[in-house]
Amino acid sequence: MLLKLDCYYGNEAKQYSFYRIPKMLFADRRFAGVSVEAKVLYGLLLDRMRLSAKNGWLDSKGRVYIIFTIADIMETLGCAEQKANKFLGELDCVKGIGLIERKRRGLGKPNVIYVKNFVGEKRNHKSRNVNITNQEM
């Protein structure tokens, strides 16, 4: 069925909110084996992480965590449970590329998910400050 839609005019283009998916997930060869659906899921998890940070969902180490269940993934992506688990597996530290880390909480509670920051090097938050200098010519 073909939808009969109009174009955007003026400020109408600003009327929606959008999920942000880092371009590096598509441009960097490290992520070539990750499916497009898993990359979209990473963007959804980043969006949820922003909300968790705003609400103060931090663990004892100060790391932001999210709760995004298999049911949430199934509903948001419109997929079955097996696909939702596959996409999480692609992103996971155990089975996949390491873009997320899942921690079990047990007793029927949903898993906690840590979304990993893949831009830049791993940082030691207890290290001293580093002086930034300009490159010599």
Protein backbone atom coordinates (compact mmCIF):
# COMPACT_ATOMS: atom_id res chain seq x y z
CA MET A 1 0.00 0.00 0.00
CA LEU A 2 1.46 3.31 -1.09
CA LEU A 3 1.18 6.13 1.45
CA LYS A 4 0.29 9.56 0.10
CA LEU A 5 2.57 11.85 2.08
CA ASP A 6 3.52 15.48 1.80
CA CYS A 7 7.03 16.96 2.07
CA TYR A 8 8.35 18.83 5.07
CA TYR A 9 7.94 22.61 5.02
CA GLY A 10 9.95 25.11 7.06
CA ASN A 11 10.30 24.15 10.72
CA GLU A 12 8.20 20.99 10.39
CA ALA A 13 11.43 18.97 10.12
CA LYS A 14 12.07 19.72 13.81
CA GLN A 15 8.83 18.12 15.02
CA TYR A 16 10.25 14.66 15.73
CA SER A 17 12.70 13.26 18.22
CA PHE A 18 15.31 10.91 16.81
CA TYR A 19 17.49 8.05 17.92
CA ARG A 20 21.19 8.70 17.46
CA ILE A 21 23.40 5.96 16.09
CA PRO A 22 27.12 6.74 15.99
CA LYS A 23 28.46 6.92 12.42
CA MET A 24 31.53 4.98 13.52
CA LEU A 25 29.36 1.86 13.83
CA PHE A 26 28.96 1.98 10.05
CA ALA A 27 32.33 3.46 9.05
CA ASP A 28 34.79 1.65 11.34
CA ARG A 29 35.88 -1.79 10.10
CA ARG A 30 35.81 -3.13 13.68
CA PHE A 31 32.02 -3.16 13.47
CA ALA A 32 31.67 -4.64 9.98
CA GLY A 33 30.41 -7.97 11.36
CA VAL A 34 27.67 -6.37 13.44
CA SER A 35 24.21 -6.46 11.85
CA VAL A 36 22.36 -3.25 11.09
CA GLU A 37 19.63 -4.31 13.54
CA ALA A 38 22.18 -4.69 16.36
CA LYS A 39 23.59 -1.24 15.50
CA VAL A 40 20.08 0.21 15.72
CA LEU A 41 19.64 -1.55 19.07
CA TYR A 42 22.88 0.05 20.28
CA GLY A 43 21.39 3.45 19.34
CA LEU A 44 18.25 2.60 21.35
CA LEU A 45 20.40 1.58 24.32
CA LEU A 46 22.37 4.85 24.08
CA ASP A 47 19.11 6.76 24.16
CA ARG A 48 17.95 4.84 27.21
CA MET A 49 21.34 5.39 28.85
CA ARG A 50 20.93 9.15 28.55
CA LEU A 51 17.63 8.87 30.43
CA SER A 52 19.21 6.63 33.10
CA ALA A 53 22.04 9.13 33.62
CA LYS A 54 19.49 11.93 33.98
CA ASN A 55 17.63 9.87 36.60
CA GLY A 56 20.82 9.03 38.52
CA TRP A 57 20.93 5.32 37.75
CA LEU A 58 24.56 4.77 38.72
CA ASP A 59 26.19 1.73 40.27
CA SER A 60 28.63 1.82 43.19
CA LYS A 61 31.48 2.60 40.76
CA GLY A 62 29.64 5.56 39.24
CA ARG A 63 28.84 3.74 35.97
CA VAL A 64 25.51 4.47 34.28
CA TYR A 65 23.34 1.39 33.82
CA ILE A 66 20.08 0.75 32.05
CA ILE A 67 17.29 -1.77 32.25
CA PHE A 68 15.98 -2.67 28.80
CA THR A 69 14.34 -6.08 28.81
CA ILE A 70 13.98 -8.62 26.01
CA ALA A 71 10.28 -7.69 25.95
CA ASP A 72 11.23 -4.01 25.49
CA ILE A 73 13.51 -4.92 22.58
CA MET A 74 10.85 -7.14 21.00
CA GLU A 75 8.25 -4.38 21.21
CA THR A 76 10.55 -1.57 20.02
CA LEU A 77 12.11 -3.46 17.11
CA GLY A 78 9.02 -5.49 16.28
CA CYS A 79 10.85 -8.79 16.43
CA ALA A 80 10.57 -12.18 18.12
CA GLU A 81 12.43 -13.19 21.29
CA GLN A 82 15.04 -15.20 19.38
CA LYS A 83 15.97 -12.18 17.24
CA ALA A 84 16.07 -9.86 20.26
CA ASN A 85 18.49 -12.24 22.00
CA LYS A 86 20.57 -12.52 18.82
CA PHE A 87 20.96 -8.74 18.55
CA LEU A 88 21.92 -8.43 22.24
CA GLY A 89 24.39 -11.29 21.75
CA GLU A 90 26.06 -9.43 18.88
CA LEU A 91 26.63 -6.44 21.15
CA ASP A 92 27.57 -8.33 24.32
CA CYS A 93 31.04 -8.71 25.84
CA VAL A 94 30.61 -12.48 26.18
CA LYS A 95 29.33 -13.56 22.76
CA GLY A 96 29.73 -10.45 20.62
CA ILE A 97 31.83 -7.39 19.93
CA GLY A 98 31.76 -5.87 23.44
CA LEU A 99 29.56 -2.79 23.00
CA ILE A 100 27.48 -3.74 26.05
CA GLU A 101 27.94 -5.68 29.26
CA ARG A 102 25.02 -7.49 30.88
CA LYS A 103 24.89 -8.28 34.59
CA ARG A 104 22.39 -10.74 36.01
CA ARG A 105 20.54 -9.66 39.12
CA GLY A 106 18.65 -12.90 39.73
CA LEU A 107 15.35 -13.59 41.46
CA GLY A 108 13.30 -12.74 38.37
CA LYS A 109 14.75 -9.23 38.16
CA PRO A 110 15.74 -7.92 34.71
CA ASN A 111 19.40 -7.76 33.78
CA VAL A 112 21.34 -4.54 34.15
CA ILE A 113 23.02 -3.37 30.94
CA TYR A 114 26.12 -1.21 30.79
CA VAL A 115 26.51 0.51 27.42
CA LYS A 116 30.20 0.68 26.54
CA ASN A 117 31.90 3.81 25.24
CA PHE A 118 33.89 2.67 22.20
CA VAL A 119 35.20 6.12 21.25
CA GLY A 120 38.69 6.83 22.50
CA GLU A 121 40.88 4.74 24.74
CA LYS A 122 39.90 3.05 27.97
CA ARG A 123 40.24 5.56 30.78
CA ASN A 124 41.29 5.14 34.36
CA HIS A 125 39.00 7.47 36.30
CA LYS A 126 41.37 7.49 39.28
CA SER A 127 44.39 8.64 37.31
CA ARG A 128 45.86 12.10 37.57
CA ASN A 129 44.87 14.93 35.24
CA VAL A 130 46.65 15.05 31.91
CA ASN A 131 47.93 18.34 30.52
CA ILE A 132 46.83 18.89 26.94
CA THR A 133 49.46 20.53 24.78
CA ASN A 134 49.43 21.83 21.22
CA GLN A 135 51.26 19.95 18.53
CA GLU A 136 54.54 21.59 17.52
CA MET A 137 54.93 22.82 13.96
